[in-house]
Amino acid sequence: MLLAIDAGNTNIVLALIGDKGEVRARCRLATDPKRTADELALNFSQFLELQKLKIESISQVIISCVVPQLMFALTSFAKNYCKVEPMVVHLKKLKLGVQALVDSPHEVGADRLVNTIAAFDLLKGPAVIVDFGTATTFDIVNAEGNYCGGVIAPGVNLSLDALQKAAARLPEVEITKPESVIGTNTVRCMQSGVFYGYLGLVEGILGRIKAELGHPVKVLATGGLSSLYGKATNQIDRVEPDLTLHGLYLIAQRNL
């Protein structure tokens, strides 16, 4: 069984993936750069016990990580506890089957390359990937399946946190679609600003990307809030919460 590890700025996802690419189980941990391999093993072993699974069933480990401080702990966890030499997503170290056609290919985050591979496999053509993560990113995939650049904006939660910290009297609110744009109390006003403000950002950037590309393109959304925003606009064609895990599975298959 494959253990796919997607270490982002907010969460670390450890997912067990079967031979046909199906996600059998997943464990989500808060990203902490100080987390050790022993802590990862303890948390993951408890999770496996709940799922009635054994760590011995893991035959491959693949890691996508955008937090450099975590790499040693993640690779040590794979080697010492899974007894597997992990594959680490990197342009020069694995057969990815994708090129980064940008000014500095080495600066492209591992997660963006993984998502590019997954989106092209699912859509079989040019695409724009909207990833609602710590940052809201827009990644361009060309007709050959290569990464061609994108856009990075502050994430929804990041912007809301900044607003609440900067304005002492504003409360903490849930990110949800309000019943109307015009709010009649502070909470509804904030929810409207966050939800419709970001919806406007997403639709505006997608419109400009499509105009600049000048050809038809499918839009695929992923990340924690993708389902919420995917239902609110006709600019998004498909929502795939497990896009990164699918990409990690494909890369692992290419590097058997």
Protein backbone atom coordinates (compact mmCIF):
# COMPACT_ATOMS: atom_id res chain seq x y z
CA MET A 1 0.00 0.00 0.00
CA LEU A 2 1.16 3.55 -0.72
CA LEU A 3 1.48 6.14 2.03
CA ALA A 4 1.11 9.58 0.45
CA ILE A 5 2.20 12.50 2.62
CA ASP A 6 1.07 15.99 1.63
CA ALA A 7 2.69 18.50 4.00
CA GLY A 8 1.23 21.96 3.51
CA ASN A 9 1.52 25.20 5.44
CA THR A 10 -1.57 24.47 7.55
CA ASN A 11 -2.00 20.67 7.61
CA ILE A 12 -0.08 17.47 7.04
CA VAL A 13 -2.22 14.83 5.34
CA LEU A 14 -1.10 11.19 5.55
CA ALA A 15 -3.21 9.00 3.26
CA LEU A 16 -3.15 5.27 2.60
CA ILE A 17 -3.82 4.62 -1.08
CA GLY A 18 -4.68 1.26 -2.59
CA ASP A 19 -3.30 -0.32 -5.76
CA LYS A 20 -6.00 1.23 -7.95
CA GLY A 21 -5.58 4.72 -6.56
CA GLU A 22 -8.42 4.59 -4.05
CA VAL A 23 -7.92 6.48 -0.76
CA ARG A 24 -8.35 3.85 1.93
CA ALA A 25 -7.83 6.10 4.95
CA ARG A 26 -6.42 9.52 5.78
CA CYS A 27 -5.02 11.25 8.84
CA ARG A 28 -4.83 15.06 9.12
CA LEU A 29 -2.38 16.71 11.51
CA ALA A 30 -1.66 20.38 12.17
CA THR A 31 1.54 21.53 10.51
CA ASP A 32 4.19 22.24 13.11
CA PRO A 33 7.77 22.77 11.86
CA LYS A 34 9.03 21.48 15.23
CA ARG A 35 7.18 18.17 14.93
CA THR A 36 9.53 15.18 15.19
CA ALA A 37 9.56 11.82 13.45
CA ASP A 38 8.65 10.15 16.76
CA GLU A 39 5.61 12.40 17.16
CA LEU A 40 4.49 11.62 13.61
CA ALA A 41 4.88 7.90 14.28
CA LEU A 42 2.92 8.07 17.53
CA ASN A 43 0.01 9.98 15.98
CA PHE A 44 -0.05 7.85 12.86
CA SER A 45 0.15 4.54 14.72
CA GLN A 46 -2.83 5.56 16.87
CA PHE A 47 -4.73 6.46 13.71
CA LEU A 48 -3.89 3.11 12.08
CA GLU A 49 -5.07 1.28 15.19
CA LEU A 50 -8.45 3.02 14.95
CA GLN A 51 -8.68 2.05 11.29
CA LYS A 52 -7.65 -1.55 12.06
CA LEU A 53 -4.66 -1.21 9.72
CA LYS A 54 -0.98 -2.04 10.22
CA ILE A 55 2.06 0.02 9.32
CA GLU A 56 3.61 -3.14 7.85
CA SER A 57 1.13 -2.93 4.96
CA ILE A 58 2.97 0.17 3.63
CA SER A 59 5.26 -0.71 0.73
CA GLN A 60 5.83 2.79 -0.71
CA VAL A 61 6.02 6.30 0.72
CA ILE A 62 5.86 9.50 -1.32
CA ILE A 63 6.24 12.98 0.16
CA SER A 64 5.18 16.39 -1.13
CA CYS A 65 6.29 19.12 1.27
CA VAL A 66 6.27 22.93 1.10
CA VAL A 67 7.67 23.35 4.63
CA PRO A 68 11.46 22.71 4.42
CA GLN A 69 11.82 22.48 8.23
CA LEU A 70 9.62 19.35 8.20
CA MET A 71 11.54 17.37 5.59
CA PHE A 72 13.97 15.70 7.99
CA ALA A 73 11.16 14.54 10.31
CA LEU A 74 9.06 13.25 7.41
CA THR A 75 11.88 11.32 5.75
CA SER A 76 13.07 9.94 9.11
CA PHE A 77 9.53 8.80 9.88
CA ALA A 78 9.35 6.94 6.57
CA LYS A 79 12.76 5.30 6.99
CA ASN A 80 12.63 4.45 10.70
CA TYR A 81 8.99 3.53 11.18
CA CYS A 82 7.63 2.57 7.74
CA LYS A 83 10.95 0.91 6.83
CA VAL A 84 10.74 2.45 3.36
CA GLU A 85 13.04 4.85 1.50
CA PRO A 86 10.63 7.66 0.62
CA MET A 87 10.17 9.29 -2.76
CA VAL A 88 10.31 13.08 -2.44
CA VAL A 89 8.62 15.19 -5.10
CA HIS A 90 11.25 17.28 -6.84
CA LEU A 91 11.81 18.17 -10.50
CA LYS A 92 15.28 16.62 -10.58
CA LYS A 93 14.82 13.59 -8.34
CA LEU A 94 11.73 11.80 -9.67
CA LYS A 95 10.20 11.08 -13.05
CA LEU A 96 7.29 13.49 -12.95
CA GLY A 97 6.37 13.67 -16.61
CA VAL A 98 5.86 17.42 -16.33
CA GLN A 99 7.91 20.53 -17.05
CA ALA A 100 7.75 23.84 -15.20
CA LEU A 101 7.78 26.42 -18.00
CA VAL A 102 8.52 29.41 -15.75
CA ASP A 103 11.45 31.72 -15.02
CA SER A 104 12.74 29.68 -12.05
CA PRO A 105 11.45 26.07 -12.21
CA HIS A 106 13.15 25.14 -8.92
CA GLU A 107 11.02 27.70 -7.08
CA VAL A 108 7.71 26.04 -8.00
CA GLY A 109 6.14 24.38 -4.95
CA ALA A 110 5.93 20.60 -4.95
CA ASP A 111 2.18 20.73 -4.39
CA ARG A 112 1.67 22.80 -7.55
CA LEU A 113 3.57 20.28 -9.68
CA VAL A 114 1.62 17.39 -8.15
CA ASN A 115 -1.69 19.15 -8.81
CA THR A 116 -0.64 19.85 -12.41
CA ILE A 117 -0.03 16.15 -13.01
CA ALA A 118 -3.33 15.16 -11.41
CA ALA A 119 -5.41 17.78 -13.24
CA PHE A 120 -4.00 16.83 -16.65
CA ASP A 121 -4.68 13.17 -15.96
CA LEU A 122 -8.31 13.91 -15.05
CA LEU A 123 -9.10 16.52 -17.70
CA LYS A 124 -6.82 15.41 -20.57
CA GLY A 125 -6.31 19.00 -21.66
CA PRO A 126 -5.50 22.57 -20.66
CA ALA A 127 -6.70 23.56 -17.22
CA VAL A 128 -6.66 26.15 -14.47
CA ILE A 129 -6.39 24.76 -10.94
CA VAL A 130 -7.78 26.88 -8.11
CA ASP A 131 -6.40 25.65 -4.79
CA PHE A 132 -8.16 27.05 -1.72
CA GLY A 133 -5.38 26.52 0.81
CA THR A 134 -3.36 28.75 3.13
CA ALA A 135 -2.89 30.77 -0.04
CA THR A 136 -5.44 30.78 -2.85
CA THR A 137 -3.44 29.75 -5.91
CA PHE A 138 -4.31 29.62 -9.59
CA ASP A 139 -2.12 27.26 -11.63
CA ILE A 140 -2.08 27.04 -15.43
CA VAL A 141 -1.70 23.67 -17.20
CA ASN A 142 -1.12 23.75 -20.96
CA ALA A 143 -2.34 21.30 -23.62
CA GLU A 144 0.81 19.17 -23.14
CA GLY A 145 0.29 18.88 -19.38
CA ASN A 146 3.07 21.24 -18.34
CA TYR A 147 2.96 23.88 -15.59
CA CYS A 148 2.97 27.36 -17.12
CA GLY A 149 2.74 29.72 -14.17
CA GLY A 150 -0.09 31.12 -12.12
CA VAL A 151 -1.32 33.52 -9.48
CA ILE A 152 -0.90 33.54 -5.69
CA ALA A 153 -3.35 35.43 -3.46
CA PRO A 154 -3.79 35.36 0.33
CA GLY A 155 -6.02 32.50 1.44
CA VAL A 156 -9.54 33.04 2.73
CA ASN A 157 -8.72 32.05 6.32
CA LEU A 158 -5.51 34.07 6.27
CA SER A 159 -7.36 37.22 5.24
CA LEU A 160 -10.10 36.67 7.82
CA ASP A 161 -7.52 36.15 10.57
CA ALA A 162 -5.76 39.38 9.58
CA LEU A 163 -9.05 41.27 9.66
CA GLN A 164 -9.95 39.96 13.12
CA LYS A 165 -6.51 40.75 14.54
CA ALA A 166 -6.38 44.25 13.09
CA ALA A 167 -9.87 45.25 14.26
CA ALA A 168 -10.16 44.52 18.00
CA ARG A 169 -13.95 44.67 18.15
CA LEU A 170 -14.63 42.26 15.27
CA PRO A 171 -15.63 38.72 16.36
CA GLU A 172 -14.47 35.39 15.01
CA VAL A 173 -16.88 34.12 12.35
CA GLU A 174 -17.47 30.96 10.33
CA ILE A 175 -16.75 31.08 6.62
CA THR A 176 -20.09 30.29 5.00
CA LYS A 177 -22.38 31.59 2.26
CA PRO A 178 -24.72 34.18 3.82
CA GLU A 179 -28.37 34.39 2.82
CA SER A 180 -27.92 37.87 1.37
CA VAL A 181 -25.06 40.12 0.31
CA ILE A 182 -26.17 42.96 2.58
CA GLY A 183 -25.63 42.05 6.23
CA THR A 184 -27.76 43.42 9.05
CA ASN A 185 -25.34 42.62 11.89
CA THR A 186 -21.57 42.48 12.31
CA VAL A 187 -21.26 38.72 11.85
CA ARG A 188 -23.36 38.70 8.65
CA CYS A 189 -21.47 41.71 7.30
CA MET A 190 -18.13 39.96 7.84
CA GLN A 191 -19.36 36.68 6.36
CA SER A 192 -20.65 38.51 3.30
CA GLY A 193 -17.39 40.39 2.84
CA VAL A 194 -15.29 37.25 3.15
CA PHE A 195 -17.49 34.99 1.04
CA TYR A 196 -18.54 37.35 -1.75
CA GLY A 197 -15.26 39.23 -1.66
CA TYR A 198 -13.35 36.03 -2.35
CA LEU A 199 -15.91 34.86 -4.87
CA GLY A 200 -15.33 38.13 -6.73
CA LEU A 201 -11.56 37.61 -6.50
CA VAL A 202 -11.82 34.07 -7.89
CA GLU A 203 -14.19 35.00 -10.71
CA GLY A 204 -12.22 38.13 -11.58
CA ILE A 205 -8.86 36.37 -11.78
CA LEU A 206 -10.31 33.42 -13.71
CA GLY A 207 -11.88 35.81 -16.20
CA ARG A 208 -8.57 37.57 -16.77
CA ILE A 209 -6.67 34.28 -17.07
CA LYS A 210 -9.11 32.94 -19.67
CA ALA A 211 -8.93 36.19 -21.65
CA GLU A 212 -5.12 36.14 -21.56
CA LEU A 213 -4.91 32.49 -22.63
CA GLY A 214 -7.33 33.06 -25.51
CA HIS A 215 -8.51 29.44 -25.75
CA PRO A 216 -11.06 27.23 -23.94
CA VAL A 217 -9.87 25.86 -20.61
CA LYS A 218 -11.43 23.78 -17.85
CA VAL A 219 -11.28 25.02 -14.26
CA LEU A 220 -10.74 22.54 -11.45
CA ALA A 221 -10.95 23.48 -7.77
CA THR A 222 -9.33 21.76 -4.81
CA GLY A 223 -8.46 22.54 -1.19
CA GLY A 224 -10.45 22.92 2.00
CA LEU A 225 -13.01 25.47 0.80
CA SER A 226 -13.30 24.25 -2.79
CA SER A 227 -16.71 22.66 -2.28
CA LEU A 228 -18.14 25.86 -0.79
CA TYR A 229 -16.90 28.14 -3.57
CA GLY A 230 -17.32 25.54 -6.32
CA LYS A 231 -21.07 25.54 -5.78
CA ALA A 232 -21.29 29.34 -5.87
CA THR A 233 -19.91 30.06 -9.34
CA ASN A 234 -20.25 28.72 -12.89
CA GLN A 235 -16.58 29.58 -13.48
CA ILE A 236 -15.51 26.33 -11.78
CA ASP A 237 -16.19 23.17 -13.81
CA ARG A 238 -15.13 20.50 -11.33
CA VAL A 239 -14.25 20.11 -7.65
CA GLU A 240 -11.63 17.52 -6.64
CA PRO A 241 -10.78 17.62 -2.89
CA ASP A 242 -8.29 14.74 -3.30
CA LEU A 243 -6.44 16.22 -6.29
CA THR A 244 -3.02 16.27 -4.60
CA LEU A 245 -3.37 12.69 -3.35
CA HIS A 246 -4.30 11.57 -6.88
CA GLY A 247 -1.19 13.29 -8.21
CA LEU A 248 1.03 11.65 -5.61
CA TYR A 249 -0.38 8.26 -6.55
CA LEU A 250 0.36 8.88 -10.24
CA ILE A 251 3.95 9.94 -9.49
CA ALA A 252 4.51 6.89 -7.30
CA GLN A 253 3.30 4.66 -10.13
CA ARG A 254 5.72 6.33 -12.57
CA ASN A 255 8.63 5.69 -10.22
CA LEU A 256 8.09 2.07 -9.24
